């Protein structure tokens, strides 16, 4: 059985990493390439880079940034934001990304998931789902869609997604713990890996999330001190969470 994964997430705007609370009040926390390299050195299993302004600004994701990141990292990384067609995704993989994440474009046209899986393989397709009170939101958490989260996750799997990246808008940035009920419900509805996102504040929170999901996304808990990932891994090991040997 695959070991649980720790995945730092870098929300990117204009080439800089930003972080807020419940998707609002964004603040600058560093250079995307340098911060990604620091997490790689500290033992991250993978990274996720999300261009959070691409969809709102109706532009493609940052291929040049992906090339710079690929030159510095030795671990897999996913890129999302602004992927509206297969060619957009292929350009990101050609630039060095290992996976692409789709969110709003897949909600607008679910057939995109199958198109991506058909050309790139399901292992390269991550469907990101932003949820509040059981409802899926699009456009960086600004638009309710009327879709129920477990039904959309199951549809995404059936259309060819290889993973679900599940972010609780209500828990995002709060450091008060993941939304375990919604994470548990989605994990029970699908057979593909679920990445829990939103709310990590302590090692205990991460351990709880990894009890129901296959991976935990990390942001606020790390961004002000990337070296925290090293001690976090040690704390998780002490809690009995099996992790990859990052030595």
Foldseek 3Di string as FASTA:
>chain_A
DDAFFEEAEFEDEPQFGWADALLDDIDTQGGPQVLLLLLQLLFGQEYEYEPLCQVVVVHADDLVSLLSNQVRHPHAYEYEHNPQALVSFVSSVVSPHQAYEDEQNCLVPVLRLLVNCVVPNQLRYEYEFEDEPQFTADSSRPGTDPDGVLVVLLSSVVSRHQEYEYAYSNQAPVLQAFPVVVLQSNLVSDDHFYETEGRNNALVRQLSSVVRTRYYYDYPNQSNPVSVSNVSVVVNVVVVRDDDPRD
